[in-house]
Protein backbone atom coordinates (compact mmCIF):
# COMPACT_ATOMS: atom_id res chain seq x y z
CA MET A 1 -0.02 -0.12 -0.05
CA SER A 2 1.36 3.46 -1.05
CA ASP A 3 1.17 6.65 0.91
CA LEU A 4 -1.55 8.04 -1.62
CA THR A 5 -4.25 10.26 0.10
CA VAL A 6 -7.13 9.17 -1.93
CA THR A 7 -8.26 6.85 -4.60
CA ILE A 8 -11.01 7.92 -6.93
CA LEU A 9 -12.76 4.82 -7.72
CA MET A 10 -15.22 4.07 -10.54
CA PRO A 11 -17.25 0.98 -11.15
CA CYS A 12 -17.36 0.38 -15.05
CA LEU A 13 -19.46 -1.67 -17.41
CA ASN A 14 -19.56 -0.34 -20.86
CA GLU A 15 -19.00 3.46 -20.25
CA ALA A 16 -17.18 4.26 -23.14
CA GLU A 17 -19.31 7.31 -23.91
CA THR A 18 -18.61 8.97 -20.59
CA LEU A 19 -15.65 7.54 -19.06
CA ALA A 20 -13.01 9.66 -20.63
CA PHE A 21 -14.78 12.89 -19.21
CA CYS A 22 -15.07 11.49 -15.81
CA VAL A 23 -11.42 10.28 -15.65
CA ARG A 24 -10.24 13.69 -16.93
CA GLN A 25 -12.43 15.42 -14.32
CA ALA A 26 -11.12 13.21 -11.63
CA VAL A 27 -7.54 13.73 -12.60
CA ALA A 28 -8.12 17.46 -12.79
CA ALA A 29 -9.74 17.23 -9.12
CA LEU A 30 -6.54 15.94 -7.78
CA ARG A 31 -4.20 18.30 -9.70
CA ASP A 32 -6.07 21.35 -8.88
CA ASN A 33 -6.32 20.69 -5.39
CA ASN A 34 -2.78 19.33 -4.98
CA VAL A 35 -3.84 15.99 -3.66
CA ASP A 36 -1.75 12.91 -4.05
CA GLY A 37 -4.07 10.33 -5.42
CA GLU A 38 -4.81 7.80 -8.46
CA VAL A 39 -7.96 7.12 -10.39
CA LEU A 40 -9.05 3.55 -10.26
CA ILE A 41 -11.48 1.91 -12.65
CA ALA A 42 -13.14 -1.39 -11.32
CA ASP A 43 -14.02 -2.91 -14.85
CA ASN A 44 -16.84 -5.43 -14.81
CA GLY A 45 -16.42 -6.87 -18.00
CA SER A 46 -16.77 -4.17 -20.51
CA THR A 47 -16.83 -4.95 -24.32
CA ASP A 48 -16.67 -1.61 -25.67
CA GLY A 49 -13.17 -0.56 -25.15
CA SER A 50 -13.69 1.17 -21.84
CA GLN A 51 -10.60 -0.43 -20.50
CA GLN A 52 -8.39 1.20 -23.18
CA ILE A 53 -10.00 4.56 -22.69
CA ALA A 54 -9.55 4.57 -19.14
CA ARG A 55 -5.66 3.53 -19.58
CA SER A 56 -5.16 6.32 -22.27
CA GLU A 57 -6.58 9.01 -19.80
CA GLY A 58 -4.02 7.83 -17.08
CA ALA A 59 -6.11 5.71 -14.89
CA ARG A 60 -5.35 2.26 -13.33
CA VAL A 61 -7.80 -0.55 -14.42
CA ILE A 62 -8.35 -3.78 -12.47
CA ASP A 63 -10.62 -6.48 -13.95
CA VAL A 64 -13.61 -7.72 -11.79
CA PRO A 65 -14.80 -10.96 -13.07
CA ILE A 66 -17.65 -11.22 -10.75
CA ARG A 67 -20.65 -9.19 -12.20
CA GLY A 68 -22.49 -6.59 -10.16
CA TYR A 69 -22.16 -3.03 -8.88
CA GLY A 70 -21.29 -4.30 -5.44
CA ALA A 71 -18.56 -6.66 -6.72
CA ALA A 72 -16.95 -3.92 -8.77
CA LEU A 73 -16.91 -1.62 -5.76
CA MET A 74 -15.62 -4.37 -3.18
CA THR A 75 -12.75 -5.25 -5.54
CA GLY A 76 -12.22 -1.66 -6.24
CA ILE A 77 -11.92 -0.71 -2.60
CA ALA A 78 -9.74 -3.87 -1.63
CA ASN A 79 -7.14 -2.76 -4.36
CA ALA A 80 -7.26 0.93 -3.65
CA ARG A 81 -3.73 2.62 -2.99
CA GLY A 82 -5.00 5.56 -0.99
CA LYS A 83 -5.86 6.03 2.51
CA TYR A 84 -9.35 7.12 1.56
CA VAL A 85 -11.54 6.25 -1.37
CA LEU A 86 -13.97 8.51 -3.23
CA MET A 87 -16.37 6.46 -5.22
CA ALA A 88 -18.68 7.57 -7.92
CA ASP A 89 -20.23 6.46 -11.07
CA ALA A 90 -18.82 6.88 -14.49
CA ASP A 91 -21.87 8.09 -16.22
CA ALA A 92 -20.85 11.96 -15.75
CA SER A 93 -23.78 12.54 -13.26
CA TYR A 94 -21.39 13.38 -10.41
CA ASP A 95 -18.94 16.09 -10.11
CA PHE A 96 -15.29 14.85 -9.03
CA GLY A 97 -14.46 18.62 -8.45
CA HIS A 98 -16.36 18.25 -5.07
CA LEU A 99 -13.48 16.15 -3.85
CA PRO A 100 -12.50 18.83 -1.52
CA ARG A 101 -15.46 18.81 0.68
CA PHE A 102 -15.45 15.10 1.08
CA LEU A 103 -11.90 15.14 2.01
CA ALA A 104 -12.46 17.76 4.58
CA LYS A 105 -14.91 15.75 6.44
CA LEU A 106 -12.76 12.59 6.44
CA ASN A 107 -9.79 14.59 7.67
CA GLU A 108 -11.89 15.77 10.52
CA GLY A 109 -12.25 12.07 11.64
CA HIS A 110 -15.39 10.81 9.72
CA ASP A 111 -15.26 7.32 8.60
CA LEU A 112 -17.81 7.59 5.83
CA VAL A 113 -19.01 10.79 4.11
CA MET A 114 -22.06 10.64 2.00
CA GLY A 115 -23.06 12.90 -0.67
CA ASN A 116 -26.52 14.61 -0.46
CA ARG A 117 -28.20 15.48 -3.82
CA PHE A 118 -31.30 16.94 -2.21
CA LYS A 119 -29.07 19.44 0.03
CA GLY A 120 -27.08 20.17 -3.08
CA GLU A 121 -28.68 20.31 -6.48
CA ILE A 122 -30.59 17.92 -8.82
CA LYS A 123 -30.59 19.47 -12.33
CA PRO A 124 -33.52 19.05 -14.45
CA GLY A 125 -33.89 15.70 -16.00
CA ALA A 126 -30.98 14.07 -13.59
CA MET A 127 -33.46 11.86 -11.44
CA PRO A 128 -36.66 10.39 -12.48
CA PRO A 129 -39.73 11.59 -10.41
CA LEU A 130 -40.27 8.23 -8.88
CA HIS A 131 -36.79 8.04 -7.61
CA LYS A 132 -36.93 11.80 -6.36
CA TYR A 133 -40.30 11.98 -4.66
CA LEU A 134 -40.89 8.36 -3.57
CA GLY A 135 -37.93 5.74 -3.80
CA ASN A 136 -34.89 7.95 -2.32
CA PRO A 137 -37.09 9.63 0.26
CA VAL A 138 -38.71 6.49 1.53
CA LEU A 139 -35.71 4.45 1.63
CA SER A 140 -33.62 7.18 3.32
CA PHE A 141 -36.56 7.52 5.96
CA ILE A 142 -36.46 3.89 6.63
CA GLY A 143 -32.77 3.74 6.94
CA ARG A 144 -32.82 6.59 9.58
CA LEU A 145 -35.62 5.02 11.44
CA PHE A 146 -34.19 1.48 11.47
CA PHE A 147 -30.67 2.38 12.06
CA GLY A 148 -30.55 5.83 13.48
CA ILE A 149 -28.39 6.80 10.31
CA PRO A 150 -27.80 10.50 10.30
CA VAL A 151 -28.13 11.13 6.33
CA GLY A 152 -30.86 12.39 4.36
CA ASP A 153 -29.92 10.77 1.02
CA PHE A 154 -29.43 7.07 1.60
CA HIS A 155 -28.49 6.02 -1.79
CA CYS A 156 -26.28 8.77 -3.23
CA GLY A 157 -23.55 7.40 -5.74
CA ILE A 158 -20.96 9.62 -4.68
CA ARG A 159 -19.52 9.05 -1.22
CA ALA A 160 -15.84 9.10 0.45
CA MET A 161 -14.65 6.65 3.00
CA ARG A 162 -11.66 5.70 5.16
CA ARG A 163 -10.39 2.59 3.18
CA ASP A 164 -9.36 0.44 6.17
CA ALA A 165 -12.61 1.17 8.07
CA ILE A 166 -14.70 -0.07 5.15
CA VAL A 167 -12.46 -3.05 4.46
CA GLY A 168 -12.81 -4.00 8.14
CA LEU A 169 -16.79 -4.44 7.70
CA ASP A 170 -16.50 -7.40 5.44
CA LEU A 171 -19.16 -6.32 2.94
CA HIS A 172 -20.52 -8.86 0.70
CA THR A 173 -23.31 -8.08 -1.27
CA THR A 174 -22.69 -8.00 -5.15
CA GLY A 175 -25.74 -6.06 -6.36
CA MET A 176 -26.94 -2.41 -6.34
CA GLU A 177 -27.81 -3.24 -2.47
CA TYR A 178 -24.21 -2.83 -1.79
CA ALA A 179 -24.82 0.94 -1.46
CA SER A 180 -27.29 0.27 1.41
CA GLU A 181 -24.95 -2.53 3.11
CA MET A 182 -22.07 -0.08 3.36
CA VAL A 183 -24.22 2.69 5.23
CA VAL A 184 -26.15 0.17 7.45
CA ARG A 185 -23.00 -1.85 8.37
CA SER A 186 -21.12 1.34 9.00
CA SER A 187 -23.69 2.61 11.31
CA LEU A 188 -24.00 -0.84 13.16
CA ALA A 189 -20.26 -0.82 13.76
CA GLY A 190 -20.33 2.63 15.21
CA LEU A 191 -18.39 4.57 12.39
CA ARG A 192 -18.70 8.02 12.25
CA ILE A 193 -21.05 9.05 9.33
CA THR A 194 -21.81 12.47 7.83
CA GLU A 195 -22.91 13.92 4.58
CA VAL A 196 -22.13 17.06 2.31
CA PRO A 197 -24.16 18.59 -0.52
CA THR A 198 -23.60 17.43 -3.93
CA THR A 199 -24.66 17.78 -7.33
CA LEU A 200 -26.55 15.37 -9.76
CA SER A 201 -26.46 15.96 -13.29
CA PRO A 202 -28.35 14.00 -16.12
CA ASP A 203 -26.89 10.75 -17.27
CA GLY A 204 -24.39 11.50 -20.01
CA ARG A 205 -24.96 8.12 -21.80
CA THR A 206 -27.44 7.41 -24.56
CA ARG A 207 -28.34 3.92 -23.25
CA ALA A 208 -30.38 3.04 -20.51
CA PRO A 209 -28.84 2.93 -17.18
CA HIS A 210 -27.97 -0.31 -15.18
CA LEU A 211 -30.31 0.67 -12.48
CA ARG A 212 -33.82 -0.91 -12.60
CA THR A 213 -36.29 0.78 -10.52
CA TRP A 214 -38.55 -1.74 -8.88
CA ARG A 215 -36.09 -4.65 -8.86
CA ASP A 216 -33.18 -2.62 -7.26
CA GLY A 217 -35.77 -0.73 -4.92
CA TRP A 218 -36.85 -3.96 -3.79
CA ARG A 219 -33.40 -5.29 -3.20
CA HIS A 220 -32.64 -2.33 -1.10
CA LEU A 221 -35.74 -2.51 1.03
CA ARG A 222 -35.28 -6.27 1.44
CA PHE A 223 -31.57 -5.59 2.80
CA LEU A 224 -32.79 -2.84 5.19
CA LEU A 225 -35.39 -5.26 6.72
CA LEU A 226 -33.20 -8.30 6.76
CA TYR A 227 -30.66 -6.27 8.89
CA SER A 228 -33.30 -5.18 11.31
CA PRO A 229 -35.05 -7.98 13.29
CA ARG A 230 -36.55 -5.55 15.48
CA TRP A 231 -38.73 -3.77 12.76
CA LEU A 232 -39.01 -6.99 10.64
CA PHE A 233 -40.21 -9.22 13.31
CA LEU A 234 -40.28 -7.99 16.80
CA LEU A 235 -42.31 -4.85 16.77
CA PRO A 236 -45.01 -6.55 14.34
CA GLY A 237 -45.06 -9.55 16.49
CA ILE A 238 -45.69 -7.75 19.71
CA VAL A 239 -48.22 -5.42 18.23
CA THR A 240 -50.13 -8.33 16.61
CA PHE A 241 -49.88 -10.38 19.92
CA PHE A 242 -51.29 -7.89 22.20
CA ILE A 243 -54.04 -6.60 19.64
CA GLY A 244 -55.15 -10.32 19.44
CA LEU A 245 -55.09 -10.64 23.34
CA VAL A 246 -56.99 -7.60 24.08
CA ILE A 247 -59.77 -8.44 21.72
CA SER A 248 -59.63 -11.98 22.94
CA LEU A 249 -60.11 -11.13 26.60
CA TRP A 250 -62.93 -8.65 25.56
CA LEU A 251 -64.79 -11.46 23.79
CA ILE A 252 -64.44 -14.45 25.90
CA PRO A 253 -67.02 -13.50 28.54
CA GLY A 254 -69.58 -13.09 25.73
CA PRO A 255 -70.55 -11.25 22.61
CA GLN A 256 -70.09 -7.47 22.61
CA THR A 257 -71.91 -4.80 20.69
CA ILE A 258 -70.68 -1.51 19.36
CA GLY A 259 -73.40 0.50 17.71
CA ARG A 260 -75.08 -1.92 15.30
CA TRP A 261 -72.00 -4.06 15.20
CA THR A 262 -72.01 -7.40 17.16
CA PHE A 263 -68.76 -9.33 17.89
CA ASP A 264 -68.91 -12.90 18.84
CA VAL A 265 -67.08 -16.27 18.51
CA ASP A 266 -66.04 -15.61 14.86
CA THR A 267 -64.18 -12.51 15.83
CA LEU A 268 -62.67 -14.49 18.63
CA THR A 269 -61.34 -17.13 16.33
CA TYR A 270 -59.49 -14.32 14.35
CA ALA A 271 -58.26 -12.69 17.52
CA LEU A 272 -56.78 -15.85 18.94
CA GLY A 273 -55.21 -16.38 15.70
CA LEU A 274 -53.46 -13.09 15.88
CA VAL A 275 -52.21 -14.12 19.26
CA LEU A 276 -50.59 -17.25 17.71
CA ILE A 277 -49.24 -15.27 14.84
CA GLY A 278 -47.70 -12.67 17.18
CA ALA A 279 -46.12 -15.31 19.24
CA HIS A 280 -44.66 -16.82 16.14
CA ILE A 281 -43.20 -13.64 14.81
CA SER A 282 -41.64 -12.66 18.19
CA VAL A 283 -40.07 -16.21 18.52
CA PHE A 284 -38.56 -15.46 14.91
CA ALA A 285 -37.47 -11.94 16.11
CA VAL A 286 -35.16 -13.61 18.88
CA SER A 287 -34.01 -16.28 16.89
CA ALA A 288 -33.11 -13.88 14.07
CA LYS A 289 -31.11 -11.55 16.38
CA VAL A 290 -29.21 -14.55 17.99
CA PHE A 291 -28.32 -15.88 14.64
CA GLY A 292 -27.47 -12.63 13.12
CA THR A 293 -25.05 -11.62 16.09
CA GLN A 294 -23.25 -14.96 16.03
CA GLU A 295 -22.76 -14.95 12.33
CA GLY A 296 -21.22 -11.30 12.67
CA PHE A 297 -23.61 -9.28 10.42
CA LEU A 298 -25.33 -7.79 13.39
CA PRO A 299 -23.49 -6.27 16.28
CA PRO A 300 -23.67 -7.52 19.95
CA ASN A 301 -26.32 -5.84 21.92
CA PRO A 302 -25.59 -5.83 25.69
CA LYS A 303 -29.12 -5.33 26.61
CA PHE A 304 -30.29 -8.13 24.55
CA GLU A 305 -27.61 -10.58 26.04
CA ARG A 306 -28.64 -9.63 29.53
CA ILE A 307 -31.96 -11.10 28.76
CA PHE A 308 -30.38 -14.48 28.66
CA GLN A 309 -29.13 -14.17 32.19
CA TYR A 310 -32.83 -14.41 33.26
CA VAL A 311 -34.44 -16.36 30.41
CA ASN A 312 -32.89 -19.75 29.78
CA LEU A 313 -34.17 -23.14 28.47
CA GLU A 314 -35.36 -24.33 31.80
CA LYS A 315 -37.59 -21.22 32.34
CA GLY A 316 -39.00 -21.43 28.85
CA LEU A 317 -39.62 -25.21 29.36
CA LEU A 318 -41.46 -24.20 32.73
CA PHE A 319 -43.47 -21.44 31.03
CA GLY A 320 -44.45 -23.81 28.30
CA CYS A 321 -45.59 -26.41 30.45
CA ALA A 322 -47.55 -23.87 32.53
CA LEU A 323 -49.31 -22.98 29.25
CA LEU A 324 -50.27 -26.60 28.61
CA LEU A 325 -51.54 -27.04 32.09
CA LEU A 326 -53.63 -23.99 31.70
CA GLY A 327 -54.86 -25.10 28.28
CA ALA A 328 -55.90 -28.51 30.15
CA GLY A 329 -57.58 -26.67 32.80
CA ILE A 330 -59.73 -24.83 30.54
CA PHE A 331 -60.42 -28.08 28.49
CA GLY A 332 -61.21 -29.82 31.71
CA TYR A 333 -63.83 -27.03 32.56
CA ALA A 334 -65.32 -27.43 29.16
CA LEU A 335 -65.82 -31.03 29.85
CA HIS A 336 -67.33 -30.01 33.31
CA VAL A 337 -69.71 -27.75 31.40
CA TRP A 338 -70.64 -30.52 28.96
CA HIS A 339 -71.01 -33.08 31.77
CA ALA A 340 -73.50 -30.73 33.56
CA ALA A 341 -75.45 -30.90 30.56
CA SER A 342 -75.45 -34.64 30.60
CA PHE A 343 -73.24 -34.63 27.53
CA GLY A 344 -76.05 -33.39 25.62
CA ASN A 345 -76.22 -30.38 22.90
CA LEU A 346 -74.76 -27.25 24.03
CA SER A 347 -74.68 -23.66 22.49
CA PRO A 348 -71.82 -23.91 19.82
CA GLN A 349 -70.82 -20.27 21.06
CA ARG A 350 -70.57 -21.27 24.57
CA MET A 351 -68.28 -24.38 23.72
CA LEU A 352 -66.05 -22.45 21.37
CA ARG A 353 -65.44 -19.68 23.99
CA LEU A 354 -63.91 -22.62 26.12
CA THR A 355 -62.26 -24.64 23.50
CA LEU A 356 -60.80 -21.88 21.32
CA PRO A 357 -58.76 -20.49 24.49
CA SER A 358 -57.82 -24.09 25.34
CA ALA A 359 -56.51 -24.85 22.09
CA THR A 360 -54.53 -21.67 21.87
CA CYS A 361 -53.03 -22.18 25.16
CA PHE A 362 -51.97 -25.70 24.09
CA MET A 363 -50.43 -24.07 20.81
CA LEU A 364 -48.39 -21.50 22.62
CA GLY A 365 -47.22 -23.89 25.13
CA VAL A 366 -45.79 -26.06 22.31
CA GLU A 367 -44.37 -22.83 20.73
CA ALA A 368 -42.80 -21.97 24.09
CA ILE A 369 -41.16 -25.34 24.65
CA PHE A 370 -39.79 -26.07 21.10
CA GLY A 371 -38.86 -22.39 20.69
CA SER A 372 -36.90 -22.55 24.08
CA PHE A 373 -35.03 -25.61 22.82
CA PHE A 374 -34.32 -23.99 19.47
CA LEU A 375 -33.08 -20.77 21.01
CA SER A 376 -30.80 -22.87 23.26
CA LEU A 377 -29.39 -24.53 20.38
CA LEU A 378 -28.53 -21.13 18.60
CA GLY A 379 -27.05 -19.93 21.85
CA MET A 380 -24.75 -22.77 22.40
CA LYS A 381 -22.00 -21.00 20.25
CA ARG A 382 -22.35 -17.94 22.48
CA ARG A 383 -21.92 -19.79 25.63
């Protein structure tokens, strides 16, 4: 590794139309600001002569055999010779002349500096309305909500980073969601993140961009959800469980009427179903957190770890057995009511109010017992 200050990195796949312009602009940014650096092109299998164009303009070129935006950037960052890396697309949409504002933040001690097109300038025709008013704002909001990331443009294509900090994250996604993984993993690892205003210009290419709105938007959203068991599993599970529990307790004594609407055992059936669904999802939440922490893509959480000091396999088994006994008790009471009627016909509504809670307790008990064994199995590595 040399003593270069910065590597300006561009992923490339058939960018012959705009690559020369981008390389010249990057070289000028280094020269005009008296910064020791290099321009590195991570080529992803171009067939239009992009490699020769880049070399002729003074850039270094590395071949990336694995296809994908993330694969190109990962390989480029791993091969960068600078202390810092400034990455941006090679489609003439970003201004490499903004290099000084990124370097200033890195020199202040930040590990990742994001560009923010909304605080800078989005030139007419540079961003489709769907991306500008829906995709980017919504995904950026989700990123701030789930992970507390202090940026307003989660998917800006120009960003700078301290190379060793990003390499240490061991990022692995190879597609467009790599942009999300970099920001999320940086936040989870406690890296210092900030942003600077930048400009987005219209794509200089005549061909269609590699980005696919719905496919890549879903891949970004999927990544955000998978890295947040709290929002994907835990909160929906808890809310679902308690909504079902409250409605069930309201209906077990008898039908309830609100205005001209009467709620009876059919509503009770669905409410108890919500209780079961909420319990299942909550078990998924804890399992996902344990698994993610052990595999290293989620950081350890001391508060979460302390839970296992009080909740263990044996207590889970006792809780499950208690639910089974409660279910058996309710079932026994139902038999007693039937016996009192000489095992004759009973009101279906009355019996369902007893048998449905009994069956629910049985299922929750089984869930608690086997869920405890499963979590204990996952936790063996932790212990």
